Amino acid sequence: MTALTPLTFSATDIDALATATGRVAVIVAPDGKMGQAARRANRLTKGAIARFVASEGVEKIKMGQVTTLAWPVGMTAEALDILCLPRNPSVAEARKAGATLAKLRGGKTMLFAADGLRRVAEVSFGLVMRDYTFSDHKSDAETHDTAITVMCANPDDASTDAAPLMAVAEGAFMTRDLTNEPANVLTTTEFADRLAEMSALGLEVEVLEEADLEKLGMRTLLCVGQGSDSPSKVVVMQWNGGKKGEAPLALVGKGVVFDTGGISLKPGAGMEDMTMDMGGAGVVAGTMRALALRKAKANVVGLVGLVENMPSGNAVRPGDVITSMKGDTVEVINTDAEGRLVLCDVMWYAQERFSPVGMVDLATLTGAIIIGLGHENAGVFSNNDDFCKSFLKAAEAEGEGAWRMPLGKAYDALLKSRIADMKNIGGRAAGSVTAAQFLQRFVKDETPWIHLDIAGVASVKSATSLAPAGATGWGVMALNRLVADAYETE
């Protein structure tokens, strides 16, 4: 797994600025005022920072802006980064500032002089989150084992505040790694093996094989993977950090390690992107890792259905009728609408076995949600207003875009089948909504439920504020916050 950038906190030592190697970063407030470290760097560089502030003018210095002085006179460092940030930034401002520094770091050692800045841990979180590179398959990849030192007024407090954030960052990195990994490496077996390794963190991990799934009646999940040589699996991860016997929150993830569309074959152009169709399972895995690392005082169970959707002589066909674990029959109209067939069985199993206090499923489910919301927001569907509001509040607090979408009987009617209880698609109109309506049929009336369609946010072509292009790890921060806010005990 991609390791977090080594980061340490130390007491402010302004004498160290002169001899620090790599990059040195100091803070200038939006009004041009300099802290202790910036004043020392200004003296070392014979007034270079003051000249910069004067030349730009206070009104032109933007919040979060970083200006770099290369090979500053009077310092050993290769670069002096001048970060514009107030003493008490918001969480979003602090994280974005850290991410900006990370983009400039380029693998060099960095000394960040935070002076008396508040939310030092949040700046550090942004720095680490953006300082991610997936280079496992590049033969000429450079190893960036250089460290970041953050000098601040209270290093012990900053380190304590940063610890749970670094657990979340490690969870997000796991999600990114899984989502970025090619399908010839991340087979269903390899995926399950990586999840099983998390038992070392205190998670109870159980891998259900095809024989187990057949006994349970998970026929819709199994039908998706029956055309592949890779065995279908369900992995159950339990974190029992809350009160003994208390019902858990259930997280359910779609884990299609590669999606050709099956017999309803996708077009060739862009099919290589379907390595990310296990993104929902990746988020569940990363969230469970984060909760275990920070020893969350809550009971949470993560379940992922791992399959590969391939065409073959044994593949499920359009027109086949499959009986789900619940007992409902599904007419498969399009084998490329496979994610809901995986999720419905795992969701039903989660409710039957764990009677969860709430259930959240995540899936790169529909292209329709990208048409509706682009790459800025995940689609949020729910049968419970309070539960939904709790998640939306958590997502907003973490800066992860999420937008509630509608459900309704009129949409549900589009799934009517002539020969079975339902079809697996409802046509082109409202495709993401009818997918959610399909899943809702497998939610018990007493179960608060949220469906997150993350097709547009799981992996992107251009960098986001906290991630480079590729897998984003979207959802780990929001779900971790949801657990912290709504389910952790004192």
Protein backbone atom coordinates (compact mmCIF):
# COMPACT_ATOMS: atom_id res chain seq x y z
CA MET A 1 0.00 0.00 0.00
CA THR A 2 1.19 3.52 -0.75
CA ALA A 3 2.72 4.86 2.45
CA LEU A 4 1.89 8.25 3.90
CA THR A 5 4.60 10.86 3.64
CA PRO A 6 6.70 10.71 6.84
CA LEU A 7 5.64 13.74 8.89
CA THR A 8 6.83 14.92 12.30
CA PHE A 9 6.00 17.88 14.53
CA SER A 10 8.69 19.80 16.39
CA ALA A 11 9.03 22.95 18.46
CA THR A 12 9.76 26.12 16.56
CA ASP A 13 13.48 26.64 16.02
CA ILE A 14 13.98 29.65 13.79
CA ASP A 15 17.73 29.08 13.69
CA ALA A 16 17.06 25.89 11.71
CA LEU A 17 15.68 27.90 8.79
CA ALA A 18 19.12 28.91 7.60
CA THR A 19 20.49 25.38 7.23
CA ALA A 20 17.36 23.42 6.27
CA THR A 21 17.66 21.58 2.96
CA GLY A 22 15.02 20.94 0.32
CA ARG A 23 12.12 23.37 0.69
CA VAL A 24 11.25 25.75 3.51
CA ALA A 25 7.71 27.11 3.87
CA VAL A 26 6.72 30.12 6.00
CA ILE A 27 3.44 31.97 6.52
CA VAL A 28 2.46 35.52 5.70
CA ALA A 29 -0.99 36.71 6.75
CA PRO A 30 -3.40 38.16 4.16
CA ASP A 31 -2.70 41.64 5.57
CA GLY A 32 1.01 41.16 4.94
CA LYS A 33 2.02 40.59 8.58
CA MET A 34 4.79 38.09 9.14
CA GLY A 35 5.13 35.63 11.98
CA GLN A 36 8.31 34.77 13.84
CA ALA A 37 9.63 32.32 11.25
CA ALA A 38 8.74 34.51 8.29
CA ARG A 39 10.54 37.46 9.89
CA ARG A 40 13.66 35.34 10.36
CA ALA A 41 13.46 34.09 6.75
CA ASN A 42 13.01 37.70 5.64
CA ARG A 43 16.20 38.72 7.46
CA LEU A 44 18.11 35.75 6.06
CA THR A 45 17.07 36.66 2.52
CA LYS A 46 17.87 40.35 3.08
CA GLY A 47 14.26 41.50 2.95
CA ALA A 48 13.06 39.36 0.03
CA ILE A 49 9.72 38.51 1.66
CA ALA A 50 9.02 42.14 2.54
CA ARG A 51 9.85 43.17 -1.02
CA PHE A 52 7.49 40.53 -2.34
CA VAL A 53 4.65 41.79 -0.13
CA ALA A 54 5.33 45.39 -1.11
CA SER A 55 5.53 44.61 -4.82
CA GLU A 56 2.34 42.58 -4.87
CA GLY A 57 0.35 44.80 -2.58
CA VAL A 58 -1.75 43.38 0.20
CA GLU A 59 -4.90 43.47 -1.95
CA LYS A 60 -3.33 41.09 -4.50
CA ILE A 61 -2.16 38.43 -2.05
CA LYS A 62 -4.75 35.67 -2.23
CA MET A 63 -5.79 33.30 0.54
CA GLY A 64 -3.93 30.00 0.18
CA GLN A 65 -1.59 31.38 -2.46
CA VAL A 66 2.00 30.16 -2.38
CA THR A 67 4.81 32.17 -3.93
CA THR A 68 8.18 30.48 -4.34
CA LEU A 69 11.60 32.10 -4.16
CA ALA A 70 14.09 29.71 -5.79
CA TRP A 71 17.54 29.29 -4.22
CA PRO A 72 16.97 32.08 -1.67
CA VAL A 73 20.08 34.04 -0.77
CA GLY A 74 21.20 33.42 2.82
CA MET A 75 19.55 30.00 3.06
CA THR A 76 20.68 26.47 2.19
CA ALA A 77 17.21 25.47 0.96
CA GLU A 78 16.48 25.06 -2.74
CA ALA A 79 13.24 27.01 -2.38
CA LEU A 80 11.45 29.28 0.04
CA ASP A 81 7.66 28.94 -0.17
CA ILE A 82 5.63 31.90 1.11
CA LEU A 83 2.14 30.75 2.08
CA CYS A 84 -0.65 33.28 2.55
CA LEU A 85 -2.83 32.13 5.44
CA PRO A 86 -4.51 33.81 8.44
CA ARG A 87 -3.67 32.75 11.98
CA ASN A 88 -7.07 31.06 12.36
CA PRO A 89 -8.05 29.56 8.97
CA SER A 90 -11.13 27.45 8.39
CA VAL A 91 -10.70 23.69 8.06
CA ALA A 92 -11.16 23.92 4.29
CA GLU A 93 -8.64 26.77 4.00
CA ALA A 94 -6.10 24.92 6.13
CA ARG A 95 -6.41 21.68 4.15
CA LYS A 96 -6.24 23.45 0.81
CA ALA A 97 -3.12 25.33 1.91
CA GLY A 98 -1.45 22.06 2.87
CA ALA A 99 -2.40 20.55 -0.48
CA THR A 100 -0.90 23.53 -2.30
CA LEU A 101 2.39 22.99 -0.51
CA ALA A 102 2.27 19.29 -1.40
CA LYS A 103 1.90 20.05 -5.10
CA LEU A 104 5.10 22.10 -4.94
CA ARG A 105 7.08 19.64 -2.81
CA GLY A 106 8.15 17.36 -5.64
CA GLY A 107 9.52 14.73 -3.31
CA LYS A 108 11.92 17.15 -1.62
CA THR A 109 12.43 17.38 2.12
CA MET A 110 10.23 20.15 3.50
CA LEU A 111 10.39 22.25 6.65
CA PHE A 112 7.09 24.02 7.29
CA ALA A 113 7.27 26.75 9.92
CA ALA A 114 3.71 27.11 11.16
CA ASP A 115 4.48 29.55 14.00
CA GLY A 116 1.32 30.01 16.10
CA LEU A 117 -1.04 28.89 13.35
CA ARG A 118 -4.21 27.21 14.50
CA ARG A 119 -5.37 24.02 12.76
CA VAL A 120 -1.80 22.93 12.11
CA ALA A 121 -3.05 19.34 11.99
CA GLU A 122 -5.51 20.21 9.22
CA VAL A 123 -2.76 21.81 7.12
CA SER A 124 -0.69 18.67 7.65
CA PHE A 125 -3.65 16.51 6.63
CA GLY A 126 -4.05 18.43 3.38
CA LEU A 127 -0.33 18.16 2.75
CA VAL A 128 -0.28 14.39 3.23
CA MET A 129 -3.53 13.74 1.32
CA ARG A 130 -2.31 15.60 -1.78
CA ASP A 131 1.19 14.13 -1.56
CA TYR A 132 0.04 10.84 -3.13
CA THR A 133 1.43 9.07 -6.18
CA PHE A 134 0.44 5.66 -7.52
CA SER A 135 3.60 4.38 -9.16
CA ASP A 136 3.57 0.66 -8.37
CA HIS A 137 3.79 -0.27 -12.04
CA LYS A 138 6.32 2.31 -13.25
CA SER A 139 9.80 0.87 -13.71
CA ASP A 140 11.42 4.29 -13.44
CA ALA A 141 9.40 5.46 -10.45
CA GLU A 142 11.33 7.56 -7.96
CA THR A 143 11.10 6.62 -4.31
CA HIS A 144 10.08 9.65 -2.28
CA ASP A 145 11.16 8.69 1.22
CA THR A 146 11.94 12.27 2.19
CA ALA A 147 10.16 13.67 5.21
CA ILE A 148 8.17 16.74 6.19
CA THR A 149 8.85 18.53 9.47
CA VAL A 150 6.23 20.89 10.84
CA MET A 151 7.54 23.40 13.37
CA CYS A 152 4.81 24.82 15.57
CA ALA A 153 4.09 26.32 18.97
CA ASN A 154 2.60 23.13 20.49
CA PRO A 155 4.00 20.06 18.68
CA ASP A 156 2.52 17.57 21.16
CA ASP A 157 -0.98 18.99 20.71
CA ALA A 158 -0.56 19.10 16.93
CA SER A 159 0.61 15.48 16.87
CA THR A 160 -2.38 14.39 18.97
CA ASP A 161 -4.80 16.31 16.74
CA ALA A 162 -3.20 14.88 13.60
CA ALA A 163 -3.27 11.21 14.63
CA PRO A 164 -6.94 10.49 13.75
CA LEU A 165 -6.59 12.54 10.56
CA MET A 166 -3.62 10.44 9.48
CA ALA A 167 -5.74 7.33 10.08
CA VAL A 168 -8.30 8.76 7.66
CA ALA A 169 -5.54 9.60 5.17
CA GLU A 170 -4.28 6.03 5.33
CA GLY A 171 -7.80 4.77 4.70
CA ALA A 172 -8.15 7.11 1.72
CA PHE A 173 -4.79 5.93 0.37
CA MET A 174 -5.98 2.33 0.56
CA THR A 175 -9.12 3.26 -1.38
CA ARG A 176 -7.05 5.08 -4.00
CA ASP A 177 -4.62 2.21 -4.38
CA LEU A 178 -7.42 -0.33 -4.81
CA THR A 179 -9.26 1.86 -7.30
CA ASN A 180 -6.13 2.67 -9.32
CA GLU A 181 -4.95 -0.95 -9.47
CA PRO A 182 -5.33 -2.74 -12.84
CA ALA A 183 -7.68 -5.70 -12.98
CA ASN A 184 -4.99 -8.24 -13.84
CA VAL A 185 -3.44 -7.41 -10.45
CA LEU A 186 -6.55 -6.74 -8.37
CA THR A 187 -8.44 -9.94 -9.04
CA THR A 188 -11.29 -10.91 -6.75
CA THR A 189 -8.88 -13.18 -4.87
CA GLU A 190 -6.21 -10.50 -4.49
CA PHE A 191 -8.84 -8.02 -3.33
CA ALA A 192 -10.09 -10.42 -0.68
CA ASP A 193 -6.52 -11.18 0.44
CA ARG A 194 -5.78 -7.47 0.94
CA LEU A 195 -8.90 -7.09 3.05
CA ALA A 196 -8.06 -10.18 5.08
CA GLU A 197 -4.72 -8.60 5.99
CA MET A 198 -6.60 -5.92 7.92
CA SER A 199 -7.34 -8.45 10.64
CA ALA A 200 -3.95 -7.34 11.99
CA LEU A 201 -5.59 -3.97 12.78
CA GLY A 202 -8.27 -5.56 14.94
CA LEU A 203 -10.94 -6.05 12.30
CA GLU A 204 -12.78 -9.37 12.19
CA VAL A 205 -12.52 -10.35 8.52
CA GLU A 206 -14.48 -13.21 6.97
CA VAL A 207 -14.30 -14.28 3.31
CA LEU A 208 -17.37 -16.04 1.92
CA GLU A 209 -16.53 -18.20 -1.10
CA GLU A 210 -18.82 -19.26 -3.94
CA ALA A 211 -19.98 -22.39 -2.14
CA ASP A 212 -20.99 -20.24 0.84
CA LEU A 213 -22.81 -17.79 -1.41
CA GLU A 214 -24.70 -20.59 -3.14
CA LYS A 215 -25.89 -21.90 0.22
CA LEU A 216 -27.05 -18.42 1.19
CA GLY A 217 -28.94 -18.07 -2.10
CA MET A 218 -26.97 -15.08 -3.44
CA ARG A 219 -27.91 -15.97 -6.99
CA THR A 220 -28.06 -12.43 -8.40
CA LEU A 221 -24.50 -11.73 -7.22
CA LEU A 222 -23.28 -15.09 -8.51
CA CYS A 223 -24.88 -14.63 -11.91
CA VAL A 224 -22.76 -11.53 -12.53
CA GLY A 225 -19.52 -13.39 -12.00
CA GLN A 226 -20.43 -16.71 -13.62
CA GLY A 227 -18.84 -15.73 -16.94
CA SER A 228 -15.46 -15.09 -15.36
CA ASP A 229 -12.67 -17.43 -14.30
CA SER A 230 -12.24 -15.30 -11.17
CA PRO A 231 -14.33 -16.65 -8.28
CA SER A 232 -17.00 -14.42 -6.82
CA LYS A 233 -16.65 -13.60 -3.13
CA VAL A 234 -18.19 -11.56 -0.33
CA VAL A 235 -15.91 -10.15 2.35
CA VAL A 236 -17.31 -9.15 5.75
CA MET A 237 -15.27 -6.79 7.95
CA GLN A 238 -16.46 -6.11 11.49
CA TRP A 239 -15.18 -3.35 13.76
CA ASN A 240 -16.62 -3.71 17.26
CA GLY A 241 -15.38 -0.61 19.05
CA GLY A 242 -18.73 0.42 20.52
CA LYS A 243 -21.02 -1.06 23.14
CA LYS A 244 -21.15 -4.84 23.14
CA GLY A 245 -24.23 -6.16 21.41
CA GLU A 246 -25.25 -2.79 19.98
CA ALA A 247 -26.46 -2.96 16.37
CA PRO A 248 -23.81 -1.80 13.88
CA LEU A 249 -23.88 0.67 11.05
CA ALA A 250 -23.57 -1.33 7.82
CA LEU A 251 -21.49 -0.17 4.84
CA VAL A 252 -21.98 -2.15 1.63
CA GLY A 253 -19.77 -1.78 -1.45
CA LYS A 254 -19.95 -2.85 -5.08
CA GLY A 255 -16.70 -4.59 -5.98
CA VAL A 256 -16.75 -5.35 -9.72
CA VAL A 257 -13.02 -5.65 -10.31
CA PHE A 258 -13.55 -5.30 -14.06
CA ASP A 259 -16.72 -4.65 -16.00
CA THR A 260 -16.87 -5.53 -19.69
CA GLY A 261 -20.64 -5.23 -19.59
CA GLY A 262 -20.91 -9.00 -20.02
CA ILE A 263 -22.98 -10.17 -23.00
CA SER A 264 -24.31 -6.58 -23.23
CA LEU A 265 -20.74 -5.66 -24.12
CA LYS A 266 -19.56 -2.09 -23.56
CA PRO A 267 -17.97 -0.13 -26.42
CA GLY A 268 -14.21 -0.65 -26.60
CA ALA A 269 -13.33 3.03 -26.24
CA GLY A 270 -12.84 3.84 -22.59
CA MET A 271 -13.38 0.29 -21.34
CA GLU A 272 -9.94 0.44 -19.69
CA ASP A 273 -11.48 2.77 -17.11
CA MET A 274 -13.64 -0.07 -15.83
CA THR A 275 -10.83 -1.12 -13.51
CA MET A 276 -12.41 1.43 -11.17
CA ASP A 277 -15.81 -0.28 -11.07
CA MET A 278 -14.91 -1.67 -7.64
CA GLY A 279 -14.71 1.87 -6.27
CA GLY A 280 -17.61 1.39 -3.84
CA ALA A 281 -15.93 -1.62 -2.26
CA GLY A 282 -12.70 0.38 -2.16
CA VAL A 283 -14.37 3.12 -0.13
CA VAL A 284 -15.83 0.60 2.31
CA ALA A 285 -12.39 -0.99 2.73
CA GLY A 286 -10.67 2.36 3.27
CA THR A 287 -13.30 3.51 5.75
CA MET A 288 -13.00 0.31 7.77
CA ARG A 289 -9.20 0.75 7.81
CA ALA A 290 -9.54 4.33 9.04
CA LEU A 291 -11.98 3.34 11.80
CA ALA A 292 -9.71 0.54 12.99
CA LEU A 293 -6.57 2.68 12.92
CA ARG A 294 -8.14 5.43 15.02
CA LYS A 295 -9.91 2.93 17.29
CA ALA A 296 -13.36 4.35 16.65
CA LYS A 297 -15.79 3.81 19.52
CA ALA A 298 -18.53 2.45 17.31
CA ASN A 299 -19.78 -0.82 15.88
CA VAL A 300 -19.49 -0.82 12.09
CA VAL A 301 -19.62 -3.68 9.62
CA GLY A 302 -18.35 -3.40 6.05
CA LEU A 303 -19.49 -5.88 3.40
CA VAL A 304 -18.24 -5.99 -0.18
CA GLY A 305 -19.34 -8.14 -3.10
CA LEU A 306 -16.35 -9.01 -5.30
CA VAL A 307 -17.04 -10.20 -8.85
CA GLU A 308 -15.78 -9.80 -12.41
CA ASN A 309 -18.30 -9.23 -15.22
CA MET A 310 -17.05 -11.07 -18.31
CA PRO A 311 -18.68 -12.51 -21.48
CA SER A 312 -18.30 -16.24 -22.01
CA GLY A 313 -20.28 -19.35 -22.84
CA ASN A 314 -21.35 -19.45 -19.20
CA ALA A 315 -22.22 -15.76 -18.78
CA VAL A 316 -25.65 -14.58 -17.74
CA ARG A 317 -27.75 -13.57 -20.76
CA PRO A 318 -30.22 -10.76 -21.41
CA GLY A 319 -33.64 -12.26 -20.78
CA ASP A 320 -32.51 -14.63 -18.02
CA VAL A 321 -34.58 -14.63 -14.84
CA ILE A 322 -32.63 -14.89 -11.56
CA THR A 323 -33.97 -15.40 -8.04
CA SER A 324 -32.35 -13.16 -5.43
CA MET A 325 -31.43 -14.09 -1.87
CA LYS A 326 -34.55 -12.22 -0.75
CA GLY A 327 -36.64 -14.45 -3.00
CA ASP A 328 -37.68 -11.83 -5.56
CA THR A 329 -37.13 -12.69 -9.21
CA VAL A 330 -35.22 -10.37 -11.55
CA GLU A 331 -35.43 -10.33 -15.34
CA VAL A 332 -31.97 -9.38 -16.58
CA ILE A 333 -32.60 -6.99 -19.46
CA ASN A 334 -29.05 -5.67 -19.66
CA THR A 335 -26.06 -7.52 -18.22
CA ASP A 336 -24.20 -4.21 -17.99
CA ALA A 337 -26.58 -3.17 -15.19
CA GLU A 338 -24.74 -5.65 -12.98
CA GLY A 339 -23.80 -3.58 -9.92
CA ARG A 340 -27.33 -3.56 -8.56
CA LEU A 341 -27.44 -7.36 -8.91
CA VAL A 342 -24.34 -7.60 -6.74
CA LEU A 343 -25.52 -5.08 -4.17
CA CYS A 344 -29.06 -6.36 -3.68
CA ASP A 345 -27.92 -9.73 -2.36
CA VAL A 346 -25.21 -8.26 -0.12
CA MET A 347 -27.61 -5.64 1.24
CA TRP A 348 -30.20 -8.28 2.07
CA TYR A 349 -27.57 -10.45 3.73
CA ALA A 350 -26.32 -7.47 5.79
CA GLN A 351 -29.83 -6.86 7.13
CA GLU A 352 -30.61 -10.53 7.76
CA ARG A 353 -27.37 -11.16 9.65
CA PHE A 354 -26.65 -7.87 11.44
CA SER A 355 -30.00 -5.99 11.74
CA PRO A 356 -28.04 -2.74 11.30
CA VAL A 357 -29.02 0.57 12.82
CA GLY A 358 -28.56 2.02 9.34
CA MET A 359 -27.15 0.94 5.98
CA VAL A 360 -25.13 2.85 3.39
CA ASP A 361 -24.31 1.30 0.05
CA LEU A 362 -21.71 2.73 -2.33
CA ALA A 363 -21.29 1.95 -6.01
CA THR A 364 -19.96 3.30 -9.27
CA LEU A 365 -23.43 2.42 -10.44
CA THR A 366 -24.60 4.55 -13.37
CA GLY A 367 -23.28 6.79 -16.11
CA ALA A 368 -26.55 8.68 -15.71
CA ILE A 369 -25.38 10.20 -12.42
CA ILE A 370 -22.41 11.73 -14.24
CA ILE A 371 -24.77 13.29 -16.77
CA GLY A 372 -26.80 14.73 -13.90
CA LEU A 373 -24.11 15.80 -11.44
CA GLY A 374 -20.80 15.67 -13.31
CA HIS A 375 -17.69 14.96 -11.29
CA GLU A 376 -18.41 17.38 -8.44
CA ASN A 377 -21.04 15.48 -6.48
CA ALA A 378 -22.06 11.93 -5.69
CA GLY A 379 -25.74 11.12 -6.01
CA VAL A 380 -27.45 10.53 -2.65
CA PHE A 381 -30.69 8.56 -2.38
CA SER A 382 -32.38 7.73 0.90
CA ASN A 383 -35.55 6.42 2.53
CA ASN A 384 -34.92 8.36 5.76
CA ASP A 385 -34.63 12.14 5.96
CA ASP A 386 -32.78 12.29 9.28
CA PHE A 387 -30.23 9.69 8.23
CA CYS A 388 -29.72 11.43 4.92
CA LYS A 389 -29.28 14.83 6.55
CA SER A 390 -26.65 13.37 8.89
CA PHE A 391 -24.65 12.09 5.95
CA LEU A 392 -25.00 15.28 3.90
CA LYS A 393 -23.84 17.29 6.92
CA ALA A 394 -20.80 15.02 7.29
CA ALA A 395 -19.96 15.23 3.59
CA GLU A 396 -20.23 19.02 3.61
CA ALA A 397 -18.01 19.28 6.69
CA GLU A 398 -15.35 17.21 4.92
CA GLY A 399 -15.64 19.04 1.60
CA GLU A 400 -16.84 15.95 -0.29
CA GLY A 401 -19.55 16.88 -2.78
CA ALA A 402 -22.89 15.08 -2.34
CA TRP A 403 -26.35 15.94 -3.66
CA ARG A 404 -29.67 14.35 -2.73
CA MET A 405 -31.67 12.85 -5.58
CA PRO A 406 -35.35 11.83 -5.63
CA LEU A 407 -37.11 8.51 -5.17
CA GLY A 408 -40.77 7.79 -5.93
CA LYS A 409 -43.41 5.30 -7.03
CA ALA A 410 -43.54 6.66 -10.58
CA TYR A 411 -39.88 5.78 -11.03
CA ASP A 412 -40.42 2.40 -9.41
CA ALA A 413 -43.11 1.55 -11.94
CA LEU A 414 -40.49 1.68 -14.71
CA LEU A 415 -38.99 -1.55 -13.35
CA LYS A 416 -42.14 -3.60 -14.01
CA SER A 417 -41.44 -6.89 -15.80
CA ARG A 418 -43.89 -9.00 -17.81
CA ILE A 419 -42.40 -12.31 -16.64
CA ALA A 420 -40.65 -11.60 -13.30
CA ASP A 421 -41.03 -9.49 -10.17
CA MET A 422 -38.87 -6.75 -11.70
CA LYS A 423 -36.45 -5.84 -14.46
CA ASN A 424 -32.87 -4.83 -13.68
CA ILE A 425 -33.14 -1.58 -15.67
CA GLY A 426 -35.88 0.97 -16.24
CA GLY A 427 -34.79 2.54 -19.51
CA ARG A 428 -32.75 5.64 -20.33
CA ALA A 429 -34.92 8.14 -18.48
CA ALA A 430 -33.80 8.78 -14.87
CA GLY A 431 -31.32 5.91 -15.04
CA SER A 432 -29.65 6.66 -11.72
CA VAL A 433 -33.03 6.99 -10.00
CA THR A 434 -34.43 3.71 -11.29
CA ALA A 435 -31.19 2.01 -10.21
CA ALA A 436 -31.77 3.34 -6.70
CA GLN A 437 -35.42 2.25 -6.86
CA PHE A 438 -34.24 -1.26 -7.72
CA LEU A 439 -31.99 -1.32 -4.66
CA GLN A 440 -34.72 0.06 -2.41
CA ARG A 441 -36.75 -3.09 -3.06
CA PHE A 442 -34.10 -4.93 -1.04
CA VAL A 443 -34.24 -2.56 1.94
CA LYS A 444 -36.44 -3.57 4.84
CA ASP A 445 -39.00 -1.00 5.98
CA GLU A 446 -37.31 -0.61 9.37
CA THR A 447 -33.82 -0.02 7.95
CA PRO A 448 -32.66 3.59 7.45
CA TRP A 449 -30.81 3.45 4.12
CA ILE A 450 -28.63 5.62 1.91
CA HIS A 451 -27.48 4.75 -1.60
CA LEU A 452 -24.43 6.63 -2.87
CA ASP A 453 -23.84 6.58 -6.62
CA ILE A 454 -20.16 7.53 -6.85
CA ALA A 455 -19.60 6.92 -10.58
CA GLY A 456 -18.63 10.55 -11.12
CA VAL A 457 -16.39 11.07 -8.09
CA ALA A 458 -14.52 7.81 -7.50
CA SER A 459 -11.92 8.44 -10.22
CA VAL A 460 -11.39 11.63 -12.19
CA LYS A 461 -9.28 12.80 -15.12
CA SER A 462 -7.92 15.93 -13.48
CA ALA A 463 -6.65 16.73 -10.00
CA THR A 464 -8.98 17.69 -7.16
CA SER A 465 -8.06 19.87 -4.20
CA LEU A 466 -6.80 16.91 -2.16
CA ALA A 467 -5.95 14.28 -4.79
CA PRO A 468 -4.03 14.00 -8.05
CA ALA A 469 -5.76 12.73 -11.21
CA GLY A 470 -7.07 9.19 -10.85
CA ALA A 471 -8.72 7.65 -7.82
CA THR A 472 -9.85 10.23 -5.26
CA GLY A 473 -10.77 8.15 -2.22
CA TRP A 474 -14.06 10.08 -2.12
CA GLY A 475 -16.27 8.97 0.74
CA VAL A 476 -13.73 7.83 3.31
CA MET A 477 -13.66 11.25 4.99
CA ALA A 478 -17.44 11.68 4.90
CA LEU A 479 -18.25 8.20 6.22
CA ASN A 480 -15.62 8.50 8.94
CA ARG A 481 -17.20 11.81 9.98
CA LEU A 482 -20.69 10.26 9.91
CA VAL A 483 -19.53 7.53 12.27
CA ALA A 484 -17.78 10.04 14.55
CA ASP A 485 -20.75 12.40 14.71
CA ALA A 486 -23.64 9.99 14.90
CA TYR A 487 -22.52 6.58 16.13
CA GLU A 488 -19.53 6.81 18.43
CA THR A 489 -20.06 6.32 22.13
CA GLU A 490 -18.37 8.38 24.81
